[in-house]
C-alpha atoms as a PDB file:
ATOM      1  CA  MET A   1       0.135  23.457  -1.832  1.00  0.00           C
ATOM      2  CA  SER A   2       3.747  24.034  -2.865  1.00  0.00           C
ATOM      3  CA  THR A   3       4.093  25.779  -6.229  1.00  0.00           C
ATOM      4  CA  GLN A   4       7.726  24.762  -6.850  1.00  0.00           C
ATOM      5  CA  GLN A   5       8.421  22.352  -9.682  1.00  0.00           C
ATOM      6  CA  TRP A   6       9.342  18.797  -8.799  1.00  0.00           C
ATOM      7  CA  ASN A   7      12.109  16.840 -10.470  1.00  0.00           C
ATOM      8  CA  GLU A   8      14.249  13.853  -9.498  1.00  0.00           C
ATOM      9  CA  THR A   9      16.768  16.027  -7.634  1.00  0.00           C
ATOM     10  CA  ARG A  10      14.060  17.617  -5.494  1.00  0.00           C
ATOM     11  CA  VAL A  11      12.388  14.261  -4.779  1.00  0.00           C
ATOM     12  CA  ARG A  12      15.730  12.901  -3.597  1.00  0.00           C
ATOM     13  CA  ALA A  13      16.206  15.999  -1.438  1.00  0.00           C
ATOM     14  CA  LEU A  14      12.771  15.445   0.110  1.00  0.00           C
ATOM     15  CA  HIS A  15      13.700  11.858   0.920  1.00  0.00           C
ATOM     16  CA  ASP A  16      16.975  12.966   2.519  1.00  0.00           C
ATOM     17  CA  ASP A  17      15.245  15.678   4.545  1.00  0.00           C
ATOM     18  CA  LEU A  18      12.651  13.202   5.819  1.00  0.00           C
ATOM     19  CA  VAL A  19      15.452  10.803   6.779  1.00  0.00           C
ATOM     20  CA  ALA A  20      17.139  13.623   8.685  1.00  0.00           C
ATOM     21  CA  LEU A  21      13.891  14.399  10.515  1.00  0.00           C
ATOM     22  CA  TYR A  22      13.148  10.765  11.328  1.00  0.00           C
ATOM     23  CA  GLU A  23      15.611   7.970  10.468  1.00  0.00           C
ATOM     24  CA  PRO A  24      16.593   5.807   7.474  1.00  0.00           C
ATOM     25  CA  VAL A  25      14.046   3.171   6.467  1.00  0.00           C
ATOM     26  CA  ASP A  26      15.216  -0.407   7.051  1.00  0.00           C
ATOM     27  CA  ARG A  27      13.248  -2.524   4.609  1.00  0.00           C
ATOM     28  CA  VAL A  28      14.507  -5.809   6.052  1.00  0.00           C
ATOM     29  CA  ALA A  29      13.426  -4.830   9.560  1.00  0.00           C
ATOM     30  CA  GLU A  30       9.992  -3.849   8.243  1.00  0.00           C
ATOM     31  CA  HIS A  31       9.275  -6.872   6.063  1.00  0.00           C
ATOM     32  CA  GLY A  32      11.921  -9.550   6.520  1.00  0.00           C
ATOM     33  CA  ALA A  33      14.897 -10.555   4.406  1.00  0.00           C
ATOM     34  CA  ASP A  34      13.154 -12.240   1.457  1.00  0.00           C
ATOM     35  CA  PRO A  35       9.365 -12.304   1.559  1.00  0.00           C
ATOM     36  CA  THR A  36       9.186 -13.827  -1.937  1.00  0.00           C
ATOM     37  CA  ALA A  37      10.987 -16.983  -0.772  1.00  0.00           C
ATOM     38  CA  GLU A  38       7.714 -18.619   0.337  1.00  0.00           C
ATOM     39  CA  PRO A  39       5.293 -19.043  -2.589  1.00  0.00           C
ATOM     40  CA  GLY A  40       2.218 -18.181  -0.511  1.00  0.00           C
ATOM     41  CA  GLU A  41       3.578 -15.017   1.074  1.00  0.00           C
ATOM     42  CA  GLY A  42       2.470 -12.746  -1.743  1.00  0.00           C
ATOM     43  CA  VAL A  43      -1.027 -14.233  -1.585  1.00  0.00           C
ATOM     44  CA  ARG A  44      -1.117 -13.781   2.168  1.00  0.00           C
ATOM     45  CA  GLN A  45      -0.104 -10.142   1.719  1.00  0.00           C
ATOM     46  CA  LEU A  46      -2.822  -9.631  -0.878  1.00  0.00           C
ATOM     47  CA  VAL A  47      -5.474 -11.127   1.403  1.00  0.00           C
ATOM     48  CA  THR A  48      -4.256  -9.106   4.389  1.00  0.00           C
ATOM     49  CA  THR A  49      -4.190  -5.899   2.353  1.00  0.00           C
ATOM     50  CA  ILE A  50      -7.776  -6.478   1.253  1.00  0.00           C
ATOM     51  CA  LEU A  51      -8.668  -6.876   4.927  1.00  0.00           C
ATOM     52  CA  SER A  52      -6.879  -3.599   5.698  1.00  0.00           C
ATOM     53  CA  GLN A  53      -9.035  -1.509   3.374  1.00  0.00           C
ATOM     54  CA  ASN A  54     -10.668   1.308   5.386  1.00  0.00           C
ATOM     55  CA  VAL A  55      -9.798  -0.138   8.788  1.00  0.00           C
ATOM     56  CA  ALA A  56      -7.198   0.433  11.519  1.00  0.00           C
ATOM     57  CA  ASP A  57      -4.019  -1.652  11.564  1.00  0.00           C
ATOM     58  CA  GLU A  58      -4.973  -3.303  14.861  1.00  0.00           C
ATOM     59  CA  ASN A  59      -8.246  -4.620  13.462  1.00  0.00           C
ATOM     60  CA  THR A  60      -6.505  -5.756  10.285  1.00  0.00           C
ATOM     61  CA  SER A  61      -4.125  -7.864  12.360  1.00  0.00           C
ATOM     62  CA  ARG A  62      -6.959  -9.337  14.387  1.00  0.00           C
ATOM     63  CA  ALA A  63      -8.975 -10.195  11.293  1.00  0.00           C
ATOM     64  CA  ALA A  64      -5.983 -11.760   9.542  1.00  0.00           C
ATOM     65  CA  GLU A  65      -5.133 -13.830  12.619  1.00  0.00           C
ATOM     66  CA  ALA A  66      -8.732 -15.057  12.873  1.00  0.00           C
ATOM     67  CA  LEU A  67      -8.809 -15.914   9.170  1.00  0.00           C
ATOM     68  CA  PHE A  68      -5.575 -17.870   9.065  1.00  0.00           C
ATOM     69  CA  ASP A  69      -6.321 -19.604  12.367  1.00  0.00           C
ATOM     70  CA  ARG A  70      -9.713 -20.817  11.169  1.00  0.00           C
ATOM     71  CA  TYR A  71      -8.766 -22.060   7.706  1.00  0.00           C
ATOM     72  CA  ASP A  72      -5.961 -24.507   7.005  1.00  0.00           C
ATOM     73  CA  ASP A  73      -5.007 -23.156   3.606  1.00  0.00           C
ATOM     74  CA  PHE A  74      -6.042 -20.794   0.806  1.00  0.00           C
ATOM     75  CA  ALA A  75      -8.190 -23.489  -0.825  1.00  0.00           C
ATOM     76  CA  ALA A  76     -10.282 -23.653   2.338  1.00  0.00           C
ATOM     77  CA  VAL A  77     -10.677 -19.859   2.337  1.00  0.00           C
ATOM     78  CA  GLU A  78     -11.701 -19.819  -1.325  1.00  0.00           C
ATOM     79  CA  SER A  79     -14.329 -22.530  -0.833  1.00  0.00           C
ATOM     80  CA  ALA A  80     -15.572 -21.307   2.560  1.00  0.00           C
ATOM     81  CA  ASP A  81     -19.221 -20.518   3.106  1.00  0.00           C
ATOM     82  CA  HIS A  82     -19.630 -16.802   2.454  1.00  0.00           C
ATOM     83  CA  GLU A  83     -21.535 -16.107   5.676  1.00  0.00           C
ATOM     84  CA  GLU A  84     -19.014 -18.062   7.713  1.00  0.00           C
ATOM     85  CA  LEU A  85     -16.145 -16.151   6.124  1.00  0.00           C
ATOM     86  CA  LYS A  86     -17.862 -12.828   6.830  1.00  0.00           C
ATOM     87  CA  GLU A  87     -18.228 -13.759  10.495  1.00  0.00           C
ATOM     88  CA  THR A  88     -14.578 -14.827  10.706  1.00  0.00           C
ATOM     89  CA  ILE A  89     -13.311 -11.454   9.476  1.00  0.00           C
ATOM     90  CA  ARG A  90     -16.039  -9.288  11.029  1.00  0.00           C
ATOM     91  CA  VAL A  91     -13.571  -7.162  13.015  1.00  0.00           C
ATOM     92  CA  ALA A  92     -12.239  -5.807   9.695  1.00  0.00           C
ATOM     93  CA  GLY A  93     -15.589  -4.243   8.778  1.00  0.00           C
ATOM     94  CA  LEU A  94     -17.204  -4.181   5.324  1.00  0.00           C
ATOM     95  CA  THR A  95     -17.250  -7.954   5.641  1.00  0.00           C
ATOM     96  CA  ASP A  96     -19.593  -8.724   2.751  1.00  0.00           C
ATOM     97  CA  GLN A  97     -17.389  -6.875   0.274  1.00  0.00           C
ATOM     98  CA  LYS A  98     -14.087  -8.078   1.731  1.00  0.00           C
ATOM     99  CA  ALA A  99     -15.112 -11.737   1.887  1.00  0.00           C
ATOM    100  CA  ALA A 100     -16.165 -11.576  -1.770  1.00  0.00           C
ATOM    101  CA  ARG A 101     -12.955  -9.783  -2.775  1.00  0.00           C
ATOM    102  CA  ILE A 102     -10.760 -12.328  -1.009  1.00  0.00           C
ATOM    103  CA  GLN A 103     -12.524 -15.262  -2.624  1.00  0.00           C
ATOM    104  CA  ARG A 104     -12.463 -13.619  -6.070  1.00  0.00           C
ATOM    105  CA  ALA A 105      -8.734 -12.956  -5.704  1.00  0.00           C
ATOM    106  CA  LEU A 106      -7.990 -16.539  -4.681  1.00  0.00           C
ATOM    107  CA  THR A 107     -10.051 -17.875  -7.596  1.00  0.00           C
ATOM    108  CA  ALA A 108      -8.217 -15.608 -10.045  1.00  0.00           C
ATOM    109  CA  ILE A 109      -4.822 -16.739  -8.736  1.00  0.00           C
ATOM    110  CA  ARG A 110      -5.726 -20.437  -8.832  1.00  0.00           C
ATOM    111  CA  GLU A 111      -7.075 -20.159 -12.364  1.00  0.00           C
ATOM    112  CA  GLU A 112      -4.020 -18.204 -13.554  1.00  0.00           C
ATOM    113  CA  THR A 113      -1.538 -20.718 -12.148  1.00  0.00           C
ATOM    114  CA  GLY A 114      -3.461 -23.882 -12.925  1.00  0.00           C
ATOM    115  CA  GLY A 115      -4.114 -24.718  -9.305  1.00  0.00           C
ATOM    116  CA  ALA A 116      -1.414 -23.081  -7.179  1.00  0.00           C
ATOM    117  CA  TYR A 117      -2.001 -20.286  -4.702  1.00  0.00           C
ATOM    118  CA  SER A 118       1.093 -18.288  -5.588  1.00  0.00           C
ATOM    119  CA  LEU A 119       1.734 -14.878  -7.086  1.00  0.00           C
ATOM    120  CA  ALA A 120       5.267 -15.761  -8.145  1.00  0.00           C
ATOM    121  CA  PHE A 121       4.260 -15.318 -11.802  1.00  0.00           C
ATOM    122  CA  LEU A 122       3.939 -11.575 -11.181  1.00  0.00           C
ATOM    123  CA  ASP A 123       7.662 -11.341 -10.500  1.00  0.00           C
ATOM    124  CA  ALA A 124       8.470 -11.946 -14.158  1.00  0.00           C
ATOM    125  CA  MET A 125       6.011  -9.323 -15.385  1.00  0.00           C
ATOM    126  CA  PRO A 126       6.828  -5.663 -15.968  1.00  0.00           C
ATOM    127  CA  THR A 127       5.416  -3.570 -13.139  1.00  0.00           C
ATOM    128  CA  ASP A 128       2.581  -2.067 -15.184  1.00  0.00           C
ATOM    129  CA  GLU A 129       1.437  -5.477 -16.432  1.00  0.00           C
ATOM    130  CA  ALA A 130       1.576  -6.953 -12.943  1.00  0.00           C
ATOM    131  CA  LYS A 131      -0.460  -4.056 -11.577  1.00  0.00           C
ATOM    132  CA  ASP A 132      -2.974  -4.417 -14.397  1.00  0.00           C
ATOM    133  CA  TRP A 133      -3.371  -8.123 -13.623  1.00  0.00           C
ATOM    134  CA  LEU A 134      -4.083  -7.454  -9.964  1.00  0.00           C
ATOM    135  CA  THR A 135      -6.418  -4.519 -10.501  1.00  0.00           C
ATOM    136  CA  GLU A 136      -8.522  -6.542 -12.936  1.00  0.00           C
ATOM    137  CA  ILE A 137      -9.755  -8.380  -9.828  1.00  0.00           C
ATOM    138  CA  LYS A 138     -12.872  -6.551  -8.682  1.00  0.00           C
ATOM    139  CA  GLY A 139     -12.131  -4.842  -5.362  1.00  0.00           C
ATOM    140  CA  VAL A 140      -8.342  -4.743  -5.808  1.00  0.00           C
ATOM    141  CA  GLY A 141      -7.389  -1.129  -6.421  1.00  0.00           C
ATOM    142  CA  PRO A 142      -4.033   0.519  -7.168  1.00  0.00           C
ATOM    143  CA  LYS A 143      -3.060   0.835  -3.498  1.00  0.00           C
ATOM    144  CA  THR A 144      -3.669  -2.853  -2.747  1.00  0.00           C
ATOM    145  CA  ALA A 145      -1.806  -3.861  -5.904  1.00  0.00           C
ATOM    146  CA  SER A 146       1.115  -1.552  -5.145  1.00  0.00           C
ATOM    147  CA  VAL A 147       1.468  -2.868  -1.590  1.00  0.00           C
ATOM    148  CA  VAL A 148       1.855  -6.415  -2.882  1.00  0.00           C
ATOM    149  CA  LEU A 149       4.127  -5.515  -5.783  1.00  0.00           C
ATOM    150  CA  ASN A 150       6.423  -3.186  -3.861  1.00  0.00           C
ATOM    151  CA  PHE A 151       6.553  -4.846  -0.446  1.00  0.00           C
ATOM    152  CA  HIS A 152       6.861  -8.424  -1.686  1.00  0.00           C
ATOM    153  CA  PHE A 153       8.385  -8.204  -5.135  1.00  0.00           C
ATOM    154  CA  GLY A 154      10.401  -5.009  -4.835  1.00  0.00           C
ATOM    155  CA  LYS A 155       8.736  -3.572  -7.922  1.00  0.00           C
ATOM    156  CA  PRO A 156       8.996   0.215  -8.344  1.00  0.00           C
ATOM    157  CA  THR A 157       5.480   1.313  -7.543  1.00  0.00           C
ATOM    158  CA  MET A 158       4.388   3.373  -4.552  1.00  0.00           C
ATOM    159  CA  ALA A 159       1.381   2.478  -2.446  1.00  0.00           C
ATOM    160  CA  VAL A 160      -0.609   5.665  -1.864  1.00  0.00           C
ATOM    161  CA  ASP A 161      -2.615   5.527   1.340  1.00  0.00           C
ATOM    162  CA  THR A 162      -4.468   8.453   2.908  1.00  0.00           C
ATOM    163  CA  HIS A 163      -1.313   9.852   4.547  1.00  0.00           C
ATOM    164  CA  VAL A 164       0.843   9.621   1.415  1.00  0.00           C
ATOM    165  CA  GLU A 165      -1.883  11.202  -0.692  1.00  0.00           C
ATOM    166  CA  ARG A 166      -2.500  14.061   1.753  1.00  0.00           C
ATOM    167  CA  VAL A 167       1.173  14.944   2.235  1.00  0.00           C
ATOM    168  CA  SER A 168       1.959  14.596  -1.486  1.00  0.00           C
ATOM    169  CA  LYS A 169      -0.838  16.996  -2.371  1.00  0.00           C
ATOM    170  CA  ARG A 170       0.192  19.513   0.270  1.00  0.00           C
ATOM    171  CA  PHE A 171       3.781  19.372  -0.989  1.00  0.00           C
ATOM    172  CA  GLY A 172       2.666  19.711  -4.612  1.00  0.00           C
ATOM    173  CA  LEU A 173       3.981  16.329  -5.714  1.00  0.00           C
ATOM    174  CA  VAL A 174       0.445  15.453  -6.774  1.00  0.00           C
ATOM    175  CA  PRO A 175      -2.236  17.844  -8.069  1.00  0.00           C
ATOM    176  CA  GLU A 176      -4.764  18.744  -5.399  1.00  0.00           C
ATOM    177  CA  SER A 177      -7.641  17.545  -7.584  1.00  0.00           C
ATOM    178  CA  ALA A 178      -6.054  14.190  -8.465  1.00  0.00           C
ATOM    179  CA  SER A 179      -7.935  10.975  -7.786  1.00  0.00           C
ATOM    180  CA  ASN A 180      -6.197   8.254  -5.804  1.00  0.00           C
ATOM    181  CA  GLU A 181      -5.524   6.388  -9.042  1.00  0.00           C
ATOM    182  CA  ARG A 182      -3.964   9.478 -10.606  1.00  0.00           C
ATOM    183  CA  ALA A 183      -1.926  10.033  -7.422  1.00  0.00           C
ATOM    184  CA  HIS A 184      -0.422   6.562  -7.875  1.00  0.00           C
ATOM    185  CA  GLU A 185       0.424   7.356 -11.479  1.00  0.00           C
ATOM    186  CA  ALA A 186       1.961  10.741 -10.631  1.00  0.00           C
ATOM    187  CA  LEU A 187       4.170   9.393  -7.875  1.00  0.00           C
ATOM    188  CA  ASP A 188       5.280   6.397  -9.932  1.00  0.00           C
ATOM    189  CA  GLU A 189       6.312   8.852 -12.657  1.00  0.00           C
ATOM    190  CA  GLN A 190       8.266  11.156 -10.331  1.00  0.00           C
ATOM    191  CA  VAL A 191       9.804   8.990  -7.614  1.00  0.00           C
ATOM    192  CA  PRO A 192      13.068   7.163  -8.468  1.00  0.00           C
ATOM    193  CA  ASP A 193      12.601   3.400  -8.405  1.00  0.00           C
ATOM    194  CA  GLU A 194      14.797   2.752  -5.383  1.00  0.00           C
ATOM    195  CA  LEU A 195      12.944   5.369  -3.319  1.00  0.00           C
ATOM    196  CA  THR A 196       9.395   4.092  -3.819  1.00  0.00           C
ATOM    197  CA  TYR A 197       9.442   2.029  -0.630  1.00  0.00           C
ATOM    198  CA  PRO A 198      11.406   4.288   1.743  1.00  0.00           C
ATOM    199  CA  LEU A 199       9.600   7.436   0.622  1.00  0.00           C
ATOM    200  CA  HIS A 200       6.267   5.656   1.107  1.00  0.00           C
ATOM    201  CA  VAL A 201       7.209   4.833   4.703  1.00  0.00           C
ATOM    202  CA  LEU A 202       8.586   8.302   5.418  1.00  0.00           C
ATOM    203  CA  LEU A 203       5.564  10.129   3.986  1.00  0.00           C
ATOM    204  CA  ILE A 204       3.266   8.000   6.121  1.00  0.00           C
ATOM    205  CA  ARG A 205       5.298   8.827   9.206  1.00  0.00           C
ATOM    206  CA  HIS A 206       5.265  12.519   8.378  1.00  0.00           C
ATOM    207  CA  GLY A 207       1.525  12.393   7.809  1.00  0.00           C
ATOM    208  CA  ARG A 208       0.976  10.762  11.175  1.00  0.00           C
ATOM    209  CA  GLU A 209       3.399  12.832  13.230  1.00  0.00           C
ATOM    210  CA  HIS A 210       3.218  16.286  11.663  1.00  0.00           C
ATOM    211  CA  CYS A 211       1.069  16.654   8.560  1.00  0.00           C
ATOM    212  CA  SER A 212      -2.223  15.365   9.956  1.00  0.00           C
ATOM    213  CA  ALA A 213      -5.550  16.024   8.280  1.00  0.00           C
ATOM    214  CA  ARG A 214      -6.622  18.510  10.934  1.00  0.00           C
ATOM    215  CA  GLY A 215      -4.531  20.696  13.196  1.00  0.00           C
ATOM    216  CA  ALA A 216      -1.263  19.869  11.461  1.00  0.00           C
ATOM    217  CA  ASP A 217       1.978  20.606  13.323  1.00  0.00           C
ATOM    218  CA  CYS A 218       4.007  22.473  10.717  1.00  0.00           C
ATOM    219  CA  ASP A 219       6.844  23.471  13.025  1.00  0.00           C
ATOM    220  CA  ASN A 220       9.444  21.234  11.398  1.00  0.00           C
ATOM    221  CA  PRO A 221      12.086  21.716   8.684  1.00  0.00           C
ATOM    222  CA  VAL A 222      10.367  19.481   6.110  1.00  0.00           C
ATOM    223  CA  CYS A 223       7.138  21.487   6.162  1.00  0.00           C
ATOM    224  CA  ASP A 224       9.199  24.700   6.136  1.00  0.00           C
ATOM    225  CA  ALA A 225      10.942  23.579   2.954  1.00  0.00           C
ATOM    226  CA  TYR A 226       8.157  21.896   0.997  1.00  0.00           C
ATOM    227  CA  CYS A 227       4.698  22.765   2.284  1.00  0.00           C
ATOM    228  CA  ASP A 228       2.424  25.739   1.840  1.00  0.00           C
ATOM    229  CA  CYS A 229      -0.803  24.270   3.178  1.00  0.00           C
ATOM    230  CA  GLU A 230      -3.352  26.232   5.189  1.00  0.00           C
ATOM    231  CA  PHE A 231      -1.655  25.207   8.454  1.00  0.00           C
ATOM    232  CA  CYS A 232       1.780  26.361   7.283  1.00  0.00           C
ATOM    233  CA  ARG A 233       0.706  29.742   6.016  1.00  0.00           C
END
């Protein structure tokens, strides 16, 4: 783990060095021009992110496609037979938990809005309050909440997946002993608002291409500058 102190200047330098190693992050290309334009898009993202928990992207896509093909709208998903819903999303794994989480989330949204399946009300909330509202839903953790709030509302909160957490700890951005929840808090405190999304994407790419969990390839300028993990030493 890097022992150098982190501040805003160094975080910005890390972002720039990752851009130089890879390429600038194009948010529009990743997620479209205005994902908040459709009222149900935030809900769809929340449901899809719940499906993505502890499963590969390919299976997430397959499960989401099966779900939205089978049910006409969110009301039908919320009221679906639990066993039927589990079978529909079975490719996502952990189907009992995920089916329950999806239905709990849809119920919470409908009750909050008085009948609409829309998360637009979160847009007017401060980021911390919006995250608190989402994480009060059993099964919606800080990563799931941050994906929805950052990707679809542009709120300054970083989603910390396994790659972001691993790289951040190796670089010393986050204490090695930090829980995932504390990792979210630490990165939200340190990363400038406008960099929460691009740095998220770049850290994931670095984690996949160089800073893997085992047998990391540290022969790159970013690891040279920021990392002191067992593979770099």
